[in-house]
Each structure stands twice: as structure tokens, then as C-alpha cells.
Amino acid sequence: MAKIRLPEGDWNVYTEIAEKIDGKRLMTIADPALKIDGGDQKLTVDARQGKVAKVTLDDPSAELQLEYALGVTHGAWNSWWSISGDVNTSLFVVPSRRAGLIYGLETRWLSKDASPSPYVYNLVDRRTDGLPEDPVYNARQKDLAKVTATYRASGAAATGTPMAGLRDPDFPGSALIPLVGDITLPGTLIRYRTPGLTYESGLEVGTSLMFDGGRLAKRGETSEVWNAAVIGPSFLLPGGNRTGDKLTFSGVGLFSDGGAGRTGSDTAATGTATLTKDGKVLTTADLASCSIYEPQGCELRADLASGRGSYTLTASMRRQVPHSTLSTGVESVWTFPSAPTAKEQPLPLTAVRYSPVGLDDSNRAKPGSVTRLPVRIERNPGSAPVEAESVRLEMSVDDGANWRRIPVVRTGSGWSATVPNPSTAGFVSLRAVVTGTAGIGLTQTIIRAYAVG
């Protein structure tokens, strides 16, 4: 028995009752209503009213993993955590109606017969307006979203860890977790998901991590490719801003794969960021251990003099890693005008993104072939739109010692080029020069953008 003092009013008391019966841990959750009107009140939560939560699946080759995630949220209050055990025998729910309360239960299913499993089921029972009267979710494979994910290698033998997590603003505690452990690259994984919800996906390879911003799962079949060239800068996440006379730039996001809506970093990469104004160096910062989850150590910060000026921001990083022979050098040089701002204003930074067509699952083109190269420009989130007045593209087959120009043609919202690959094994490097309106420009260089062999 416990005693607490509460202001008068209508309350709900979210309750968790943990028990251990015959050596087995059980949990019962409840959310009873309580009215405080000035006098003492006694609230009894009867765990015997709990109904067993249960998830079933019509795939006899799959087995439920002995860990589940449970979330309950209402307004600004929320809870989301992972629990060990068989959810079908250890979780009980006392039904209750409460407008605005959301209940979520996530389970994962893998193959009984293969390790690593060639597929994974992420099943989520999400209910609204209270704890469910019937906390049972009978999933059928034909009703789920099926995503066939191909994970490429980057010119080197490696293993990768496919990851995913529910991305739900009502459950901010959910996070990316490994799905099936490590798989050999290149490899394939089939992901089944409860439709109508948004899932974030990712891939960890050695010291690199890439992920998307979350995709809505829809019933039916789709496919994705991960770790595809060209790996380089992206702007899924904010890249920098100016507030008053203070400028901040983030070096996180310079090693994203070529998929749209992705970002990525490699903590093994090192380099520098330099800011100049009207040709004079203002500050330089080391870029190292650039982690998406701990970006503070991978930033440039500068106090700027008042007044308008023309700035050049250079971010250059290199890596030598066993898991990849590609994107060994990445550099972006941005030019832009800037003046003091009354509030935070994203910097007008852009990135050139490539999606080479026809590379194999190790990101290689055949010697002597030609590679069609779709090109698109991505901008720092929230920054003012910039019209690209010209795009110039160059290629190198000797790691940037010599460059030759490649014709670029406009194609709808982007551009396209045709790259003549060398007749012998090696690598193709890419350099793009973008001239935009209002004095904004970018020169972006990626050494060893993709392999030939």
C-alpha cells in the first residue's frame, strides 16, 4: 500500500504490477480513473482483471523472440521500454477507456531454422483511446508490408547489421535496434511490417552507420537498396545555421549512401572544416569521431563580425577502413553570402547526390562499360530554395590527379550524365561544380565514388 497527496481533480493512475510466480516474471498494466475532491480516496488495482496480451502469426517457420517493446502514452507523458520474456504468457492488460491514451506493443519474429534469419517480422499492436479490451493481435502475412532489402558491399569483404525501429512521435523512446544480427555483404533481408505505421531503417557496417528518416509501411511488396554508391554528403539532418553573429556547421552526414532520404556517418573518418570571409580564414575545426548520435565533437563554431560578407565553408574528410574501398575522400566547398539574423537561419548549403545505374552488388561497373548517372541536388533543411544556374561534372580514374569533363543534361527535377568507365579495373572519382543564384555555389569532390572491375 502507498499514500500520495494530489490536487483536487480527475486523475488516471498508470500502474505496473510486477510479479514472480513459479519462477516466471509477469507484468500487469492498468490505468484506472481516480477523482480527488478533498477527502481521502482509496484506489484498488486488481491484477486479476488483466487479460493476457497475445500476438500470433500465420507463418509456421517463424518464432517469436523472447523480447518485446511496450509503450503507453497520453499527451506529454509517455513510456516506451524493452522487456525480456515471452509476451504471450507474461503480459496482462486491465482494459480501460481513456480518450487520448495510446497503447503500443511491438514484437519481433525470426526463422526457426536459419541463422541469421533470412527474414524478420516487426509486428506492432497499436491501439488508441485506452488500454484494449481484447489485447490480441492475429497477424497474417498477406496483410503486412513486405520490403525486400538488398545490402551492397563497398568493394571489400564485410559484414553489416541491418537495423530498424518504430518511428512514432507518440513513442519517442523507440530506437534503431539490430534485426537479425550480422549478415554477409552483399546480402538480402526480407522485412515484414505492420502497415499504417512509420519505421526507420538503417545499416551499420564497421564504423559507418546510415539510416533513413522513416518510411510509412504500406500493405504489399516493395524493395530497397542499402549501402549503394555514391556514398557522400547528404542533408537529411540539418547541416548548419546562423543565429545573430554565431555560425554552426555539423560534419555529420558526409558519408550517406546514395539512397534518397538517407544520412550517414563514419566515425573512422577524419578531417577539417574551415570558414573564411572575403578570403580571410576565420576559424578551423578538426572533424573526427563524427557520430550521428553524438554530433558535438564534429562541429565548427564561429563568432562572426557584424555586417554582410561572402563566406567560404570547406569540409574535407578522408577514411581508410577495412569495410570499404570507396569514398576514401569527401570534400565540399560552399560559397554563400550571409548577414546577421534575428533568429536561427539554416545556412544555404547543398549536396550533390548520385545514383549510378547498373552497378553490381559490390558497387562495381564492368570495365569498358558506360554508367548512366542520375544527379540530384539536396539542400540543408529549412534553407531558402536556391536555383542551380549551372552544373558541371568531372571524372577521374587516378584518384583525382587528373580530371576530365563529362556532359550533363537537365532531366526534369535533376540532371543526368553518362560516365565512360576505364577498360581496366580501378575506381571512378567524381567532382561537381554547382553555381546557384544569389552568389551561392558548391564544389564537391568524392574520391573513389564507385569501383570498376
Protein backbone atom coordinates (compact mmCIF):
# COMPACT_ATOMS: atom_id res chain seq x y z
CA MET A 1 0.00 0.00 0.00
CA ALA A 2 1.23 3.51 -0.83
CA LYS A 3 -0.03 7.00 0.02
CA ILE A 4 0.32 10.12 -2.14
CA ARG A 5 -1.09 13.66 -1.99
CA LEU A 6 -2.71 15.03 -5.15
CA PRO A 7 -4.51 18.28 -6.06
CA GLU A 8 -8.26 18.05 -6.49
CA GLY A 9 -9.45 16.96 -9.90
CA ASP A 10 -9.82 13.96 -12.18
CA TRP A 11 -6.77 11.70 -12.40
CA ASN A 12 -5.71 8.48 -14.02
CA VAL A 13 -3.08 6.39 -12.28
CA TYR A 14 -1.00 4.38 -14.72
CA THR A 15 0.05 1.24 -12.89
CA GLU A 16 2.51 -1.58 -13.45
CA ILE A 17 2.31 -4.63 -11.25
CA ALA A 18 5.34 -6.93 -11.48
CA GLU A 19 5.09 -10.42 -10.03
CA LYS A 20 7.13 -13.58 -9.96
CA ILE A 21 5.09 -16.76 -9.89
CA ASP A 22 6.75 -20.20 -10.02
CA GLY A 23 9.96 -18.51 -11.13
CA LYS A 24 8.28 -16.68 -14.01
CA ARG A 25 8.11 -12.89 -14.23
CA LEU A 26 4.67 -11.45 -15.02
CA MET A 27 3.56 -7.88 -15.60
CA THR A 28 0.09 -6.37 -15.44
CA ILE A 29 -0.62 -2.83 -16.60
CA ALA A 30 -3.66 -0.75 -15.71
CA ASP A 31 -4.86 2.85 -15.96
CA PRO A 32 -7.73 3.33 -13.50
CA ALA A 33 -9.54 6.64 -13.06
CA LEU A 34 -9.42 8.48 -9.76
CA LYS A 35 -11.40 11.55 -8.64
CA ILE A 36 -9.87 13.72 -5.90
CA ASP A 37 -12.46 16.00 -4.24
CA GLY A 38 -10.80 16.99 -0.97
CA GLY A 39 -11.22 13.80 1.03
CA ASP A 40 -9.20 10.63 1.33
CA GLN A 41 -9.62 8.25 -1.57
CA LYS A 42 -8.69 4.60 -1.80
CA LEU A 43 -7.75 3.10 -5.14
CA THR A 44 -7.58 -0.65 -5.68
CA VAL A 45 -5.95 -2.11 -8.78
CA ASP A 46 -6.98 -5.74 -9.23
CA ALA A 47 -4.44 -7.61 -11.37
CA ARG A 48 -6.89 -10.48 -11.66
CA GLN A 49 -8.86 -8.35 -14.13
CA GLY A 50 -5.90 -8.35 -16.52
CA LYS A 51 -6.33 -10.03 -19.87
CA VAL A 52 -3.38 -11.77 -21.47
CA ALA A 53 -1.75 -9.86 -24.31
CA LYS A 54 -1.12 -12.14 -27.26
CA VAL A 55 0.41 -11.90 -30.74
CA THR A 56 0.08 -14.67 -33.30
CA LEU A 57 1.43 -15.11 -36.84
CA ASP A 58 0.37 -17.47 -39.60
CA ASP A 59 3.95 -18.28 -40.71
CA PRO A 60 4.85 -21.67 -39.15
CA SER A 61 8.55 -21.21 -39.97
CA ALA A 62 8.80 -18.13 -37.72
CA GLU A 63 9.17 -17.99 -33.96
CA LEU A 64 8.50 -15.19 -31.52
CA GLN A 65 11.61 -13.64 -29.99
CA LEU A 66 11.76 -13.52 -26.21
CA GLU A 67 11.80 -9.74 -26.01
CA TYR A 68 9.12 -7.19 -26.70
CA ALA A 69 8.63 -3.43 -26.51
CA LEU A 70 5.73 -1.89 -24.63
CA GLY A 71 4.59 1.70 -24.87
CA VAL A 72 1.86 3.75 -23.23
CA THR A 73 1.44 7.46 -23.83
CA HIS A 74 -1.02 10.24 -23.10
CA GLY A 75 -0.36 13.82 -24.11
CA ALA A 76 3.05 14.96 -22.92
CA TRP A 77 3.52 11.82 -20.82
CA ASN A 78 4.92 8.71 -22.46
CA SER A 79 6.72 5.49 -21.70
CA TRP A 80 8.43 3.04 -24.07
CA TRP A 81 10.74 0.27 -22.97
CA SER A 82 12.01 -3.21 -23.89
CA ILE A 83 11.14 -6.20 -21.75
CA SER A 84 12.64 -9.69 -21.77
CA GLY A 85 10.27 -12.63 -21.89
CA ASP A 86 7.50 -14.29 -23.88
CA VAL A 87 4.86 -11.61 -24.29
CA ASN A 88 2.18 -14.23 -24.94
CA THR A 89 2.49 -15.59 -21.40
CA SER A 90 3.89 -12.71 -19.34
CA LEU A 91 1.95 -9.50 -20.11
CA PHE A 92 -1.56 -8.77 -18.89
CA VAL A 93 -3.70 -5.71 -19.60
CA VAL A 94 -6.55 -4.39 -17.46
CA PRO A 95 -8.93 -2.82 -20.03
CA SER A 96 -9.92 0.82 -19.61
CA ARG A 97 -11.29 3.63 -21.75
CA ARG A 98 -9.39 6.91 -21.77
CA ALA A 99 -9.55 9.44 -24.58
CA GLY A 100 -6.11 10.22 -25.95
CA LEU A 101 -4.28 7.31 -24.35
CA ILE A 102 -2.26 5.22 -26.83
CA TYR A 103 -1.07 1.66 -26.28
CA GLY A 104 1.63 0.02 -28.36
CA LEU A 105 3.10 -3.48 -28.28
CA GLU A 106 5.93 -4.47 -30.66
CA THR A 107 7.20 -8.00 -31.22
CA ARG A 108 9.85 -9.48 -33.49
CA TRP A 109 9.77 -12.86 -35.22
CA LEU A 110 12.67 -14.72 -36.86
CA SER A 111 13.20 -18.03 -38.63
CA LYS A 112 13.33 -21.16 -36.50
CA ASP A 113 15.65 -22.88 -38.95
CA ALA A 114 18.28 -20.42 -40.19
CA SER A 115 20.81 -18.10 -38.58
CA PRO A 116 20.99 -15.33 -39.49
CA SER A 117 17.33 -15.36 -40.32
CA PRO A 118 16.57 -14.53 -43.98
CA TYR A 119 13.55 -12.53 -42.86
CA VAL A 120 12.22 -10.57 -39.89
CA TYR A 121 8.71 -9.68 -38.80
CA ASN A 122 8.19 -6.42 -36.91
CA LEU A 123 4.62 -6.56 -35.66
CA VAL A 124 3.01 -3.68 -33.76
CA ASP A 125 -0.35 -3.77 -31.99
CA ARG A 126 -1.22 -0.05 -31.67
CA ARG A 127 -4.49 0.97 -30.02
CA THR A 128 -5.96 4.37 -29.21
CA ASP A 129 -8.26 5.79 -26.52
CA GLY A 130 -7.35 3.42 -23.72
CA LEU A 131 -5.96 0.02 -22.84
CA PRO A 132 -7.56 -2.57 -25.15
CA GLU A 133 -10.48 -4.72 -24.15
CA ASP A 134 -9.03 -7.54 -26.26
CA PRO A 135 -5.21 -7.18 -26.35
CA VAL A 136 -4.76 -9.81 -29.07
CA TYR A 137 -3.16 -9.23 -32.48
CA ASN A 138 -3.53 -12.05 -35.00
CA ALA A 139 -1.17 -11.08 -37.82
CA ARG A 140 -1.47 -12.55 -41.29
CA GLN A 141 1.41 -12.40 -43.71
CA LYS A 142 -0.77 -11.35 -46.65
CA ASP A 143 -1.94 -8.25 -44.74
CA LEU A 144 1.57 -6.99 -43.97
CA ALA A 145 4.01 -4.70 -45.72
CA LYS A 146 6.81 -6.75 -47.33
CA VAL A 147 10.10 -4.98 -48.01
CA THR A 148 12.91 -6.85 -49.77
CA ALA A 149 16.10 -5.07 -48.74
CA THR A 150 19.38 -5.59 -50.62
CA TYR A 151 22.54 -4.63 -48.74
CA ARG A 152 25.51 -4.00 -51.00
CA ALA A 153 29.23 -4.35 -50.29
CA SER A 154 31.60 -1.46 -50.94
CA GLY A 155 34.37 -3.23 -52.84
CA ALA A 156 35.57 -5.15 -49.76
CA ALA A 157 34.57 -8.25 -47.81
CA ALA A 158 32.46 -7.11 -44.86
CA THR A 159 29.51 -7.85 -42.66
CA GLY A 160 26.67 -5.49 -41.94
CA THR A 161 24.00 -5.15 -39.28
CA PRO A 162 20.52 -4.28 -40.61
CA MET A 163 18.61 -2.16 -38.13
CA ALA A 164 15.12 -0.76 -37.73
CA GLY A 165 12.83 0.85 -35.22
CA LEU A 166 9.30 2.18 -34.95
CA ARG A 167 9.25 5.92 -35.61
CA ASP A 168 6.19 7.21 -33.82
CA PRO A 169 6.01 10.73 -32.32
CA ASP A 170 3.82 9.32 -29.56
CA PHE A 171 6.62 6.92 -28.55
CA PRO A 172 9.87 8.93 -28.73
CA GLY A 173 11.72 6.28 -26.72
CA SER A 174 11.71 3.79 -29.58
CA ALA A 175 15.08 3.41 -31.34
CA LEU A 176 17.00 1.57 -34.04
CA ILE A 177 17.86 -1.99 -32.99
CA PRO A 178 19.62 -4.86 -34.81
CA LEU A 179 17.11 -7.05 -36.63
CA VAL A 180 18.83 -10.41 -37.24
CA GLY A 181 22.43 -9.82 -36.15
CA ASP A 182 25.24 -9.56 -38.71
CA ILE A 183 24.84 -10.62 -42.34
CA THR A 184 27.46 -11.10 -45.02
CA LEU A 185 27.63 -8.30 -47.60
CA PRO A 186 26.27 -8.29 -50.20
CA GLY A 187 23.15 -9.82 -48.74
CA THR A 188 19.37 -9.69 -48.68
CA LEU A 189 16.82 -9.49 -45.89
CA ILE A 190 13.03 -9.61 -46.20
CA ARG A 191 11.31 -7.33 -43.70
CA TYR A 192 7.62 -7.79 -42.87
CA ARG A 193 5.93 -4.93 -41.04
CA THR A 194 2.53 -3.98 -39.69
CA PRO A 195 1.20 -1.47 -42.27
CA GLY A 196 0.00 2.01 -41.50
CA LEU A 197 2.96 2.80 -39.23
CA THR A 198 6.27 4.53 -39.89
CA TYR A 199 9.51 2.61 -39.44
CA GLU A 200 13.05 3.93 -39.51
CA SER A 201 15.61 1.64 -41.16
CA GLY A 202 19.38 1.62 -41.05
CA LEU A 203 22.57 -0.30 -41.71
CA GLU A 204 25.76 -0.45 -39.65
CA VAL A 205 28.93 -1.54 -41.44
CA GLY A 206 32.11 -1.40 -39.41
CA THR A 207 32.46 2.18 -38.17
CA SER A 208 29.79 3.55 -40.51
CA LEU A 209 26.10 3.98 -39.84
CA MET A 210 23.43 5.08 -42.31
CA PHE A 211 19.69 5.41 -41.84
CA ASP A 212 16.61 6.97 -43.38
CA GLY A 213 14.17 9.38 -41.80
CA GLY A 214 11.41 6.80 -41.56
CA ARG A 215 9.05 5.37 -44.17
CA LEU A 216 5.34 4.66 -43.92
CA ALA A 217 4.75 0.92 -44.30
CA LYS A 218 2.04 0.09 -46.80
CA ARG A 219 0.46 -3.28 -47.43
CA GLY A 220 2.05 -5.02 -50.40
CA GLU A 221 5.57 -5.56 -51.72
CA THR A 222 8.36 -3.00 -52.17
CA SER A 223 12.16 -3.13 -52.37
CA GLU A 224 15.11 -1.09 -51.11
CA VAL A 225 18.86 -0.99 -51.76
CA TRP A 226 21.28 -0.04 -48.98
CA ASN A 227 24.97 0.88 -48.98
CA ALA A 228 24.71 1.80 -52.65
CA ALA A 229 27.24 4.15 -54.23
CA VAL A 230 27.76 7.02 -54.29
CA ILE A 231 28.46 7.50 -50.59
CA GLY A 232 28.88 11.17 -49.77
CA PRO A 233 27.31 14.29 -48.22
CA SER A 234 23.59 14.46 -47.59
CA PHE A 235 21.16 16.77 -45.84
CA LEU A 236 18.53 14.59 -44.25
CA LEU A 237 19.73 16.16 -40.99
CA PRO A 238 20.44 19.90 -40.55
CA GLY A 239 23.97 20.80 -41.64
CA GLY A 240 24.44 24.25 -40.17
CA ASN A 241 22.84 27.55 -39.20
CA ARG A 242 23.48 31.17 -38.29
CA THR A 243 21.89 32.91 -35.32
CA GLY A 244 22.80 36.57 -34.93
CA ASP A 245 26.58 36.59 -35.29
CA LYS A 246 27.10 32.92 -34.41
CA LEU A 247 27.57 30.24 -37.07
CA THR A 248 27.48 26.48 -36.52
CA PHE A 249 28.31 23.72 -39.02
CA SER A 250 27.89 19.97 -38.47
CA GLY A 251 30.19 17.47 -40.19
CA VAL A 252 27.77 14.64 -39.51
CA GLY A 253 26.12 13.38 -42.68
CA LEU A 254 29.14 13.35 -45.02
CA PHE A 255 29.06 9.56 -45.57
CA SER A 256 25.50 8.74 -46.59
CA ASP A 257 24.73 6.09 -49.18
CA GLY A 258 23.12 7.04 -52.48
CA GLY A 259 19.53 6.36 -51.47
CA ALA A 260 17.15 9.30 -51.30
CA GLY A 261 16.18 10.45 -47.82
CA ARG A 262 19.23 8.92 -46.13
CA THR A 263 22.06 10.18 -43.96
CA GLY A 264 25.24 8.56 -42.73
CA SER A 265 28.49 8.97 -40.86
CA ASP A 266 31.74 7.06 -40.35
CA THR A 267 33.45 7.53 -37.02
CA ALA A 268 36.77 6.40 -38.53
CA ALA A 269 36.86 9.35 -40.95
CA THR A 270 38.97 12.38 -40.02
CA GLY A 271 39.40 15.84 -41.49
CA THR A 272 38.86 19.54 -41.01
CA ALA A 273 36.30 22.26 -41.53
CA THR A 274 37.43 25.80 -42.38
CA LEU A 275 35.47 29.04 -42.60
CA THR A 276 36.71 32.10 -44.45
CA LYS A 277 35.17 35.54 -45.01
CA ASP A 278 36.13 37.60 -48.03
CA GLY A 279 39.18 35.35 -48.42
CA LYS A 280 40.38 35.58 -44.79
CA VAL A 281 40.44 32.44 -42.60
CA LEU A 282 38.20 32.93 -39.55
CA THR A 283 38.39 29.52 -37.89
CA THR A 284 39.29 25.88 -38.45
CA ALA A 285 37.93 22.84 -36.60
CA ASP A 286 39.02 19.22 -36.54
CA LEU A 287 36.39 16.72 -37.66
CA ALA A 288 36.77 13.29 -36.06
CA SER A 289 34.64 10.59 -34.45
CA CYS A 290 31.64 12.01 -36.29
CA SER A 291 28.69 10.18 -34.78
CA ILE A 292 25.09 10.88 -35.66
CA TYR A 293 24.15 10.31 -32.03
CA GLU A 294 26.95 12.49 -30.59
CA PRO A 295 27.48 15.31 -33.13
CA GLN A 296 29.06 17.77 -30.69
CA GLY A 297 32.61 16.58 -31.43
CA CYS A 298 32.14 17.05 -35.16
CA GLU A 299 31.25 20.73 -35.41
CA LEU A 300 32.69 24.06 -36.46
CA ARG A 301 31.55 27.09 -34.47
CA ALA A 302 32.41 30.68 -35.25
CA ASP A 303 31.65 34.14 -33.90
CA LEU A 304 31.20 36.42 -36.89
CA ALA A 305 31.72 40.15 -37.20
CA SER A 306 28.62 42.22 -37.82
CA GLY A 307 27.78 43.09 -41.38
CA ARG A 308 27.23 41.22 -44.57
CA GLY A 309 30.04 39.23 -46.15
CA SER A 310 30.92 36.48 -48.62
CA TYR A 311 31.80 33.24 -46.86
CA THR A 312 33.51 30.02 -47.93
CA LEU A 313 32.99 26.91 -45.83
CA THR A 314 35.14 23.85 -46.58
CA ALA A 315 34.60 20.39 -45.08
CA SER A 316 37.12 17.73 -46.04
CA MET A 317 37.34 14.19 -44.65
CA ARG A 318 39.26 11.03 -45.52
CA ARG A 319 38.98 7.43 -44.40
CA GLN A 320 40.88 4.17 -44.76
CA VAL A 321 38.63 1.42 -43.46
CA PRO A 322 38.55 -2.36 -43.94
CA HIS A 323 34.83 -2.41 -44.72
CA SER A 324 35.04 -0.15 -47.80
CA THR A 325 37.38 0.80 -50.62
CA LEU A 326 35.02 3.57 -51.73
CA SER A 327 34.58 7.25 -50.82
CA THR A 328 38.07 7.43 -49.36
CA GLY A 329 37.99 11.22 -49.67
CA VAL A 330 34.97 13.52 -49.44
CA GLU A 331 35.17 17.29 -49.73
CA SER A 332 32.58 20.05 -50.05
CA VAL A 333 33.41 23.72 -50.61
CA TRP A 334 30.41 26.00 -50.19
CA THR A 335 30.29 29.72 -51.02
CA PHE A 336 27.44 31.91 -49.82
CA PRO A 337 26.66 35.44 -48.67
CA SER A 338 25.50 35.91 -45.09
CA ALA A 339 24.44 38.69 -42.74
CA PRO A 340 23.33 38.81 -39.08
CA THR A 341 19.96 37.18 -38.43
CA ALA A 342 17.27 37.95 -35.89
CA LYS A 343 16.62 34.24 -35.34
CA GLU A 344 18.20 30.92 -36.27
CA GLN A 345 18.53 30.62 -40.04
CA PRO A 346 19.74 27.45 -41.80
CA LEU A 347 22.82 28.01 -43.96
CA PRO A 348 22.22 27.76 -47.74
CA LEU A 349 24.24 24.55 -48.12
CA THR A 350 23.62 21.91 -50.79
CA ALA A 351 24.85 18.43 -51.64
CA VAL A 352 25.13 16.68 -54.99
CA ARG A 353 23.65 13.19 -54.79
CA TYR A 354 24.35 10.42 -57.32
CA SER A 355 22.50 7.18 -58.11
CA PRO A 356 24.61 5.23 -60.66
CA VAL A 357 22.59 2.76 -62.69
CA GLY A 358 23.85 -0.76 -63.38
CA LEU A 359 26.43 -1.27 -60.64
CA ASP A 360 26.62 -4.77 -59.19
CA ASP A 361 26.05 -5.70 -55.56
CA SER A 362 29.63 -4.72 -54.73
CA ASN A 363 29.14 -1.24 -56.29
CA ARG A 364 31.24 -2.13 -59.36
CA ALA A 365 30.82 -1.27 -63.03
CA LYS A 366 32.17 -3.51 -65.78
CA PRO A 367 35.47 -2.38 -67.35
CA GLY A 368 34.89 -0.56 -70.64
CA SER A 369 31.17 -0.04 -69.97
CA VAL A 370 29.28 3.20 -69.61
CA THR A 371 27.35 4.11 -66.49
CA ARG A 372 24.25 6.27 -66.53
CA LEU A 373 24.49 8.70 -63.65
CA PRO A 374 21.33 10.45 -62.39
CA VAL A 375 22.21 13.58 -60.40
CA ARG A 376 20.08 15.47 -57.90
CA ILE A 377 20.74 18.36 -55.54
CA GLU A 378 19.75 18.23 -51.88
CA ARG A 379 19.63 21.30 -49.66
CA ASN A 380 20.05 21.96 -45.97
CA PRO A 381 16.61 21.55 -44.33
CA GLY A 382 14.80 24.84 -43.88
CA SER A 383 17.20 26.85 -46.02
CA ALA A 384 15.89 29.14 -48.72
CA PRO A 385 15.44 27.48 -52.13
CA VAL A 386 18.37 28.02 -54.47
CA GLU A 387 18.09 27.74 -58.23
CA ALA A 388 21.07 25.96 -59.81
CA GLU A 389 22.15 28.05 -62.79
CA SER A 390 24.73 25.52 -63.95
CA VAL A 391 26.05 22.08 -63.04
CA ARG A 392 29.48 20.95 -64.24
CA LEU A 393 30.64 17.38 -63.73
CA GLU A 394 34.12 15.89 -63.98
CA MET A 395 35.53 12.39 -63.58
CA SER A 396 38.93 10.98 -62.63
CA VAL A 397 40.32 7.47 -62.90
CA ASP A 398 43.53 8.19 -60.95
CA ASP A 399 42.14 9.30 -57.57
CA GLY A 400 41.90 12.94 -58.55
CA ALA A 401 45.33 13.51 -60.11
CA ASN A 402 43.67 14.32 -63.45
CA TRP A 403 40.11 15.28 -64.32
CA ARG A 404 38.05 15.22 -67.50
CA ARG A 405 34.70 16.86 -68.06
CA ILE A 406 31.51 14.84 -68.59
CA PRO A 407 28.47 16.37 -70.35
CA VAL A 408 25.45 16.90 -68.12
CA VAL A 409 21.86 17.28 -69.33
CA ARG A 410 18.82 18.55 -67.43
CA THR A 411 16.16 15.89 -66.77
CA GLY A 412 13.05 17.17 -65.01
CA SER A 413 13.94 17.94 -61.40
CA GLY A 414 17.55 16.76 -61.74
CA TRP A 415 20.34 16.09 -64.19
CA SER A 416 21.90 13.08 -65.88
CA ALA A 417 25.33 12.16 -67.22
CA THR A 418 26.93 9.19 -68.94
CA VAL A 419 30.27 8.10 -67.49
CA PRO A 420 32.71 6.18 -69.74
CA ASN A 421 34.35 3.64 -67.42
CA PRO A 422 38.02 2.69 -67.87
CA SER A 423 38.88 -0.56 -69.64
CA THR A 424 40.81 -1.87 -66.64
CA ALA A 425 39.90 -2.40 -63.00
CA GLY A 426 40.05 0.64 -60.77
CA PHE A 427 37.84 3.44 -59.50
CA VAL A 428 35.90 6.43 -60.78
CA SER A 429 36.06 9.67 -58.79
CA LEU A 430 33.54 12.48 -59.28
CA ARG A 431 33.73 16.25 -58.93
CA ALA A 432 30.73 18.55 -59.32
CA VAL A 433 30.68 22.33 -59.53
CA VAL A 434 27.27 23.91 -58.95
CA THR A 435 26.67 27.61 -59.48
CA GLY A 436 23.46 28.89 -57.94
CA THR A 437 21.57 32.14 -57.65
CA ALA A 438 22.40 34.85 -55.10
CA GLY A 439 26.11 34.07 -55.04
CA ILE A 440 25.67 30.55 -53.73
CA GLY A 441 27.92 27.78 -55.04
CA LEU A 442 29.31 24.30 -54.32
CA THR A 443 32.34 22.31 -55.41
CA GLN A 444 32.01 18.72 -54.23
CA THR A 445 34.63 16.02 -54.72
CA ILE A 446 34.31 12.31 -53.96
CA ILE A 447 37.41 10.18 -54.45
CA ARG A 448 36.60 6.59 -55.47
CA ALA A 449 32.89 7.17 -55.92
CA TYR A 450 32.43 3.64 -57.31
CA ALA A 451 34.60 0.75 -58.42
CA VAL A 452 35.32 -0.73 -61.83
CA GLY A 453 36.24 -4.38 -62.02
